[in-house]
């Protein structure tokens, strides 16, 4: 999430409450980045880091939280 995100404070508060409740969370704040920065400037280094983080955490969720599907 970018630090200039319109709902930044609410999101940070929500993540904090999840952690305090024992919910595993994955969160990065990208300083100076605005809403949807990774889509508007996808080749920027900050966007590449954010996309990499998204893919890493999604893969973790798939391996650890998704139920095996019937074949």
Foldseek 3Di string as FASTA:
>chain_A
DEPAEPCVVVVVVVVVVCVVVVHDDDDDYDYPAYPPNCPVCVPDPSNVVVVVSVVVVVVVCCVPPDDDDDD
